[in-house]
Amino acid sequence: MPATARPSILRKVLEEQLSALAGELASLHEQEIASREAEQRETARGELAETLNQAVRLLRQAEDFSQMAAVIAESSAGFCRSIAVFAIQGDRVRAERLRGAPAEFAEQFGVLEFPVSEAAAFAGALQSGDPVVAMTTAREVSPPVVQAFAHKPDDRAYLLPVLLHGNPTGLIYATGSVEMPLLELLAQTAALSLETKLPPEPPRKPELVSIQGIAPALPERKVPSAWADLAPPEQELHLRAQRFARVQVAGIRLFSSDLVKQGREAKNLYGVLQKDIDTGRDMFRQTFVTASPTMVDYFHLELLRMLANEDAGLLGEKYPGPLV
């Protein structure tokens, strides 16, 4: 009996050691995979930030919308499979740039032009000034566009208008694995760059006013208690303001990720990112706060959510607070 018991004990010890070793190897393997995935994510994030930074620089350097269309088409390769950029002239849509469509239609696209009324999705995006998701049918996006992209019946298209002082000057048309926030960032950058290319407005003649002693008080803000209390035009304005704030703050977090981390650690995001935050606040005030007595400072809310992780103390003591 003792002679047969000894091998059994050794076998048991070896099995336990092998089991423990296998567990350690599996754990090390999982850690290695997680480490590589983290490195790949960080590398992809850095490449994305560099791509967007370069796109923004090129958009600012572009002299007209035609050059901007080329930048948008080339810079969006990682944000969608196919893209077309159109110029809007009155009630007509004119092709500017194409990427990702079948090669046999590339030459035809260069001369593509059609009335806005022939494409319901185009008309909806241009009238509302907001992004639109549409079925790629001839009625929604026009027969020439369906042909140019060789669309299937179940495809979806994403349309983003490029607005200049509230009026549509161009439109981005994207399909296939579309990253809407990144395309919105390109569209807004293009619009802002176009505004800087416009000649300054002539100064207005000063109006004569009579002095009444005490200036009348500004009308009180009328923030409703519920979303349903807003009229449809006000709801649309609020939705645009929310998208604007989300895209602007996402851009800060993406382009200045190191500064965001530094600001969080120092509990002074505003001090570290003051230039970017002040620029966004000023744009939001001029575009939305002055446009409606019901407006909410969505830019402030996005700063709290995206940058400060809902901790107002991380914004810093010098942060001026909400606009309204």
Protein backbone atom coordinates (compact mmCIF):
# COMPACT_ATOMS: atom_id res chain seq x y z
CA MET A 1 0.00 0.00 0.00
CA PRO A 2 2.67 2.62 0.83
CA ALA A 3 4.39 1.92 -2.49
CA THR A 4 1.26 2.79 -4.48
CA ALA A 5 0.24 5.77 -2.31
CA ARG A 6 3.41 7.75 -2.97
CA PRO A 7 2.88 8.17 -6.75
CA SER A 8 -0.72 9.19 -6.10
CA ILE A 9 0.40 11.95 -3.74
CA LEU A 10 3.03 13.19 -6.21
CA ARG A 11 0.50 13.14 -9.02
CA LYS A 12 -1.91 15.18 -6.95
CA VAL A 13 0.77 17.73 -6.06
CA LEU A 14 1.83 18.02 -9.70
CA GLU A 15 -1.74 18.40 -10.86
CA GLU A 16 -2.34 21.18 -8.34
CA GLN A 17 0.84 22.98 -9.39
CA LEU A 18 0.02 22.60 -13.08
CA SER A 19 -3.50 23.92 -12.42
CA ALA A 20 -2.14 26.93 -10.55
CA LEU A 21 0.41 27.56 -13.31
CA ALA A 22 -2.30 27.32 -15.99
CA GLY A 23 -4.40 29.84 -14.04
CA GLU A 24 -1.46 32.25 -13.79
CA LEU A 25 -0.71 31.87 -17.50
CA ALA A 26 -4.36 32.54 -18.37
CA SER A 27 -4.36 35.62 -16.14
CA LEU A 28 -1.13 36.91 -17.69
CA HIS A 29 -2.55 36.26 -21.15
CA GLU A 30 -5.70 38.24 -20.34
CA GLN A 31 -3.60 41.11 -18.93
CA GLU A 32 -1.45 41.15 -22.06
CA ILE A 33 -4.52 41.26 -24.29
CA ALA A 34 -6.06 44.06 -22.21
CA SER A 35 -2.79 46.00 -22.34
CA ARG A 36 -2.55 45.66 -26.10
CA GLU A 37 -6.18 46.69 -26.54
CA ALA A 38 -5.58 49.77 -24.38
CA GLU A 39 -2.49 50.65 -26.43
CA GLN A 40 -4.45 50.20 -29.66
CA ARG A 41 -7.27 52.41 -28.36
CA GLU A 42 -4.80 55.09 -27.31
CA THR A 43 -3.05 54.91 -30.68
CA ALA A 44 -6.37 55.13 -32.54
CA ARG A 45 -7.43 58.05 -30.37
CA GLY A 46 -4.18 59.88 -31.09
CA GLU A 47 -4.52 59.25 -34.82
CA LEU A 48 -8.12 60.49 -34.75
CA ALA A 49 -7.15 63.65 -32.89
CA GLU A 50 -4.33 64.33 -35.36
CA THR A 51 -6.68 63.77 -38.31
CA LEU A 52 -9.23 66.20 -36.91
CA ASN A 53 -6.60 68.76 -35.98
CA GLN A 54 -5.20 68.67 -39.49
CA ALA A 55 -8.71 68.91 -40.99
CA VAL A 56 -9.51 71.96 -38.86
CA ARG A 57 -6.25 73.65 -39.88
CA LEU A 58 -6.91 72.98 -43.56
CA LEU A 59 -10.50 74.21 -43.32
CA ARG A 60 -9.30 77.46 -41.79
CA GLN A 61 -6.73 77.87 -44.56
CA ALA A 62 -9.17 77.11 -47.39
CA GLU A 63 -10.09 80.12 -49.49
CA ASP A 64 -13.61 79.11 -50.52
CA PHE A 65 -16.26 76.42 -50.08
CA SER A 66 -14.93 74.37 -53.00
CA GLN A 67 -11.59 73.91 -51.21
CA MET A 68 -13.39 73.16 -47.95
CA ALA A 69 -15.43 70.47 -49.70
CA ALA A 70 -12.20 68.75 -50.73
CA VAL A 71 -10.87 68.88 -47.16
CA ILE A 72 -14.10 67.46 -45.73
CA ALA A 73 -14.20 64.63 -48.26
CA GLU A 74 -10.59 63.57 -47.69
CA SER A 75 -10.57 64.05 -43.90
CA SER A 76 -13.72 62.00 -43.32
CA ALA A 77 -12.32 58.65 -44.45
CA GLY A 78 -12.39 57.33 -40.88
CA PHE A 79 -15.85 58.73 -40.10
CA CYS A 80 -17.93 57.21 -42.92
CA ARG A 81 -17.56 54.85 -45.87
CA SER A 82 -18.83 57.25 -48.56
CA ILE A 83 -19.38 61.00 -48.64
CA ALA A 84 -20.47 63.73 -51.01
CA VAL A 85 -20.30 67.46 -50.43
CA PHE A 86 -22.78 69.71 -52.22
CA ALA A 87 -22.96 73.48 -52.66
CA ILE A 88 -26.34 75.14 -52.29
CA GLN A 89 -27.20 77.93 -54.72
CA GLY A 90 -30.69 79.25 -54.20
CA ASP A 91 -33.07 76.36 -54.74
CA ARG A 92 -30.52 74.12 -56.48
CA VAL A 93 -27.98 71.56 -55.28
CA ARG A 94 -24.62 71.37 -57.08
CA ALA A 95 -22.03 68.61 -56.63
CA GLU A 96 -18.64 69.66 -55.24
CA ARG A 97 -16.77 66.59 -54.03
CA LEU A 98 -17.20 62.83 -53.88
CA ARG A 99 -15.40 60.01 -52.05
CA GLY A 100 -16.21 56.33 -51.74
CA ALA A 101 -18.76 55.96 -54.53
CA PRO A 102 -18.34 53.48 -57.41
CA ALA A 103 -15.65 54.66 -59.82
CA GLU A 104 -17.93 54.51 -62.87
CA PHE A 105 -20.08 57.30 -61.43
CA ALA A 106 -17.26 59.61 -60.32
CA GLU A 107 -17.11 61.53 -63.61
CA GLN A 108 -20.90 61.89 -63.77
CA PHE A 109 -20.95 63.26 -60.23
CA GLY A 110 -18.82 66.25 -61.23
CA VAL A 111 -21.66 67.68 -63.33
CA LEU A 112 -24.49 66.63 -61.02
CA GLU A 113 -27.02 69.36 -60.28
CA PHE A 114 -30.71 69.18 -59.37
CA PRO A 115 -33.46 71.23 -57.68
CA VAL A 116 -33.81 70.89 -53.92
CA SER A 117 -37.47 70.04 -54.48
CA GLU A 118 -36.47 66.73 -56.12
CA ALA A 119 -35.02 65.39 -52.85
CA ALA A 120 -37.24 65.53 -49.77
CA ALA A 121 -34.40 64.77 -47.32
CA PHE A 122 -32.25 67.56 -48.79
CA ALA A 123 -35.16 70.00 -48.49
CA GLY A 124 -35.83 68.95 -44.90
CA ALA A 125 -32.21 69.41 -43.80
CA LEU A 126 -31.85 72.77 -45.54
CA GLN A 127 -35.15 74.15 -44.22
CA SER A 128 -34.61 73.05 -40.62
CA GLY A 129 -30.86 73.65 -40.49
CA ASP A 130 -30.52 70.36 -38.59
CA PRO A 131 -29.01 66.97 -39.48
CA VAL A 132 -31.38 64.49 -41.12
CA VAL A 133 -31.27 60.69 -41.41
CA ALA A 134 -33.06 59.45 -44.52
CA MET A 135 -33.85 56.37 -46.53
CA THR A 136 -31.83 56.33 -49.76
CA THR A 137 -34.81 56.28 -52.09
CA ALA A 138 -35.13 58.39 -55.22
CA ARG A 139 -37.84 60.49 -53.56
CA GLU A 140 -35.72 61.22 -50.49
CA VAL A 141 -32.27 61.82 -52.01
CA SER A 142 -33.00 62.20 -55.77
CA PRO A 143 -32.49 59.64 -58.57
CA PRO A 144 -29.00 60.93 -59.53
CA VAL A 145 -27.68 60.50 -55.98
CA VAL A 146 -29.14 56.99 -55.69
CA GLN A 147 -27.38 56.11 -58.95
CA ALA A 148 -24.08 57.77 -57.98
CA PHE A 149 -23.81 55.79 -54.73
CA ALA A 150 -25.42 52.59 -56.06
CA HIS A 151 -27.68 52.65 -53.02
CA LYS A 152 -29.59 49.59 -51.87
CA PRO A 153 -33.21 49.96 -50.68
CA ASP A 154 -32.30 49.50 -47.01
CA ASP A 155 -29.35 51.94 -46.97
CA ARG A 156 -29.40 55.06 -44.79
CA ALA A 157 -27.96 58.48 -45.55
CA TYR A 158 -26.94 61.21 -43.11
CA LEU A 159 -27.31 64.81 -44.26
CA LEU A 160 -25.67 67.73 -42.45
CA PRO A 161 -26.25 71.30 -43.66
CA VAL A 162 -23.41 73.83 -43.56
CA LEU A 163 -24.96 77.10 -42.42
CA LEU A 164 -23.62 80.60 -42.96
CA HIS A 165 -25.38 83.14 -40.73
CA GLY A 166 -28.29 80.73 -40.48
CA ASN A 167 -28.58 80.22 -44.25
CA PRO A 168 -27.54 76.96 -45.96
CA THR A 169 -24.45 77.28 -48.14
CA GLY A 170 -23.55 73.61 -48.41
CA LEU A 171 -24.56 70.10 -47.42
CA ILE A 172 -22.63 66.99 -46.37
CA TYR A 173 -24.09 63.65 -47.48
CA ALA A 174 -22.59 60.56 -45.79
CA THR A 175 -23.35 56.83 -45.76
CA GLY A 176 -21.90 53.71 -44.18
CA SER A 177 -20.71 53.56 -40.53
CA VAL A 178 -21.23 57.29 -40.08
CA GLU A 179 -19.76 59.06 -37.02
CA MET A 180 -22.18 61.96 -36.80
CA PRO A 181 -20.51 64.02 -34.01
CA LEU A 182 -17.22 64.10 -35.93
CA LEU A 183 -18.91 65.12 -39.19
CA GLU A 184 -20.89 67.78 -37.30
CA LEU A 185 -17.60 69.14 -36.01
CA LEU A 186 -16.27 69.41 -39.58
CA ALA A 187 -19.49 71.07 -40.76
CA GLN A 188 -19.40 73.66 -37.98
CA THR A 189 -15.71 74.36 -38.53
CA ALA A 190 -16.37 74.89 -42.24
CA ALA A 191 -19.22 77.30 -41.44
CA LEU A 192 -17.11 79.29 -38.98
CA SER A 193 -14.22 79.41 -41.46
CA LEU A 194 -16.55 80.72 -44.16
CA GLU A 195 -17.71 83.48 -41.85
CA THR A 196 -14.13 84.67 -41.36
CA LYS A 197 -13.72 84.92 -45.15
CA LEU A 198 -16.66 87.31 -45.52
CA PRO A 199 -15.93 91.04 -45.76
CA PRO A 200 -16.86 92.93 -42.58
CA GLU A 201 -20.29 94.48 -42.50
CA PRO A 202 -20.31 98.27 -42.94
CA PRO A 203 -20.78 100.11 -39.67
CA ARG A 204 -24.32 101.12 -38.93
CA LYS A 205 -25.21 104.74 -38.51
CA PRO A 206 -25.84 105.58 -34.87
CA GLU A 207 -29.48 106.07 -34.04
CA LEU A 208 -30.64 109.10 -32.10
CA VAL A 209 -32.21 108.15 -28.80
CA SER A 210 -33.93 110.22 -26.20
CA ILE A 211 -32.70 110.01 -22.64
CA GLN A 212 -35.45 108.83 -20.32
CA GLY A 213 -33.51 108.89 -17.10
CA ILE A 214 -33.54 105.19 -16.21
CA ALA A 215 -33.20 102.62 -18.96
CA PRO A 216 -36.05 100.11 -19.11
CA ALA A 217 -35.29 96.76 -17.53
CA LEU A 218 -34.54 93.83 -19.80
CA PRO A 219 -37.43 91.38 -20.16
CA GLU A 220 -37.34 88.58 -17.64
CA ARG A 221 -36.29 85.16 -18.82
CA LYS A 222 -39.14 82.74 -19.38
CA VAL A 223 -37.73 79.26 -18.88
CA PRO A 224 -40.68 76.83 -18.97
CA SER A 225 -41.08 74.07 -16.43
CA ALA A 226 -41.58 71.35 -19.06
CA TRP A 227 -40.41 70.65 -22.61
CA ALA A 228 -44.01 70.46 -23.83
CA ASP A 229 -44.52 74.10 -22.79
CA LEU A 230 -42.12 75.21 -25.55
CA ALA A 231 -43.57 76.07 -28.93
CA PRO A 232 -42.28 73.90 -31.83
CA PRO A 233 -39.91 76.64 -33.15
CA GLU A 234 -38.47 77.02 -29.65
CA GLN A 235 -38.02 73.26 -29.35
CA GLU A 236 -36.09 73.21 -32.63
CA LEU A 237 -33.87 76.05 -31.41
CA HIS A 238 -33.18 74.22 -28.15
CA LEU A 239 -32.28 71.03 -30.03
CA ARG A 240 -29.86 72.96 -32.22
CA ALA A 241 -28.33 74.56 -29.13
CA GLN A 242 -27.89 71.15 -27.49
CA ARG A 243 -26.15 69.74 -30.57
CA PHE A 244 -23.94 72.81 -30.89
CA ALA A 245 -22.86 72.57 -27.24
CA ARG A 246 -22.27 68.82 -27.44
CA VAL A 247 -20.09 69.10 -30.55
CA GLN A 248 -18.09 72.08 -29.24
CA VAL A 249 -17.27 70.49 -25.88
CA ALA A 250 -16.54 67.13 -27.53
CA GLY A 251 -14.02 68.97 -29.70
CA ILE A 252 -12.32 70.44 -26.64
CA ARG A 253 -12.12 67.03 -24.99
CA LEU A 254 -10.78 65.42 -28.16
CA PHE A 255 -8.24 68.04 -29.25
CA SER A 256 -7.00 68.92 -25.75
CA SER A 257 -7.27 65.62 -23.89
CA ASP A 258 -3.98 66.19 -22.05
CA LEU A 259 -5.09 69.63 -20.88
CA VAL A 260 -8.46 68.24 -19.79
CA LYS A 261 -6.67 65.63 -17.66
CA GLN A 262 -4.40 68.33 -16.25
CA GLY A 263 -7.34 70.58 -15.44
CA ARG A 264 -9.23 67.80 -13.68
CA GLU A 265 -6.24 66.91 -11.55
CA ALA A 266 -5.72 70.59 -10.62
CA LYS A 267 -9.48 71.18 -10.19
CA ASN A 268 -9.08 74.13 -12.55
CA LEU A 269 -10.43 73.17 -15.97
CA TYR A 270 -11.34 76.77 -16.77
CA GLY A 271 -7.87 78.04 -15.93
CA VAL A 272 -6.23 75.46 -18.17
CA LEU A 273 -8.75 75.70 -21.05
CA GLN A 274 -9.89 79.32 -20.67
CA LYS A 275 -9.36 80.31 -24.32
CA ASP A 276 -11.36 77.38 -25.71
CA ILE A 277 -14.11 77.66 -23.09
CA ASP A 278 -14.47 81.44 -23.52
CA THR A 279 -14.69 81.03 -27.30
CA GLY A 280 -17.43 78.42 -26.97
CA ARG A 281 -19.33 80.47 -24.39
CA ASP A 282 -19.22 83.56 -26.58
CA MET A 283 -20.47 81.65 -29.65
CA PHE A 284 -23.26 80.04 -27.64
CA ARG A 285 -24.33 83.38 -26.17
CA GLN A 286 -24.42 85.17 -29.52
CA THR A 287 -26.12 82.35 -31.40
CA PHE A 288 -28.62 81.00 -28.88
CA VAL A 289 -28.92 82.92 -25.60
CA THR A 290 -29.69 86.21 -27.35
CA ALA A 291 -32.12 84.44 -29.67
CA SER A 292 -34.59 83.20 -27.07
CA PRO A 293 -35.70 84.16 -23.53
CA THR A 294 -36.31 80.44 -22.88
CA MET A 295 -32.75 79.32 -23.67
CA VAL A 296 -30.81 77.13 -21.25
CA ASP A 297 -27.01 77.24 -21.05
CA TYR A 298 -26.45 73.85 -22.63
CA PHE A 299 -22.77 74.70 -23.16
CA HIS A 300 -22.32 74.93 -19.38
CA LEU A 301 -24.18 71.64 -18.91
CA GLU A 302 -21.93 69.88 -21.44
CA LEU A 303 -18.82 71.28 -19.72
CA LEU A 304 -20.07 69.73 -16.50
CA ARG A 305 -20.99 66.41 -18.12
CA MET A 306 -18.08 65.82 -20.52
CA LEU A 307 -15.17 67.61 -18.87
CA ALA A 308 -15.96 67.88 -15.16
CA ASN A 309 -17.75 64.53 -14.68
CA GLU A 310 -20.70 66.37 -13.08
CA ASP A 311 -18.41 67.96 -10.46
CA ALA A 312 -18.65 71.76 -10.71
CA GLY A 313 -15.65 72.10 -8.40
CA LEU A 314 -13.38 70.79 -11.17
CA LEU A 315 -14.15 73.85 -13.30
CA GLY A 316 -12.18 76.05 -10.91
CA GLU A 317 -12.86 79.11 -8.77
CA LYS A 318 -12.48 81.56 -11.68
CA TYR A 319 -15.05 79.87 -13.89
CA PRO A 320 -17.73 82.55 -14.48
CA GLY A 321 -20.63 80.13 -14.21
CA PRO A 322 -23.70 79.62 -16.45
CA LEU A 323 -24.57 82.31 -18.97
CA VAL A 324 -28.21 82.31 -17.83
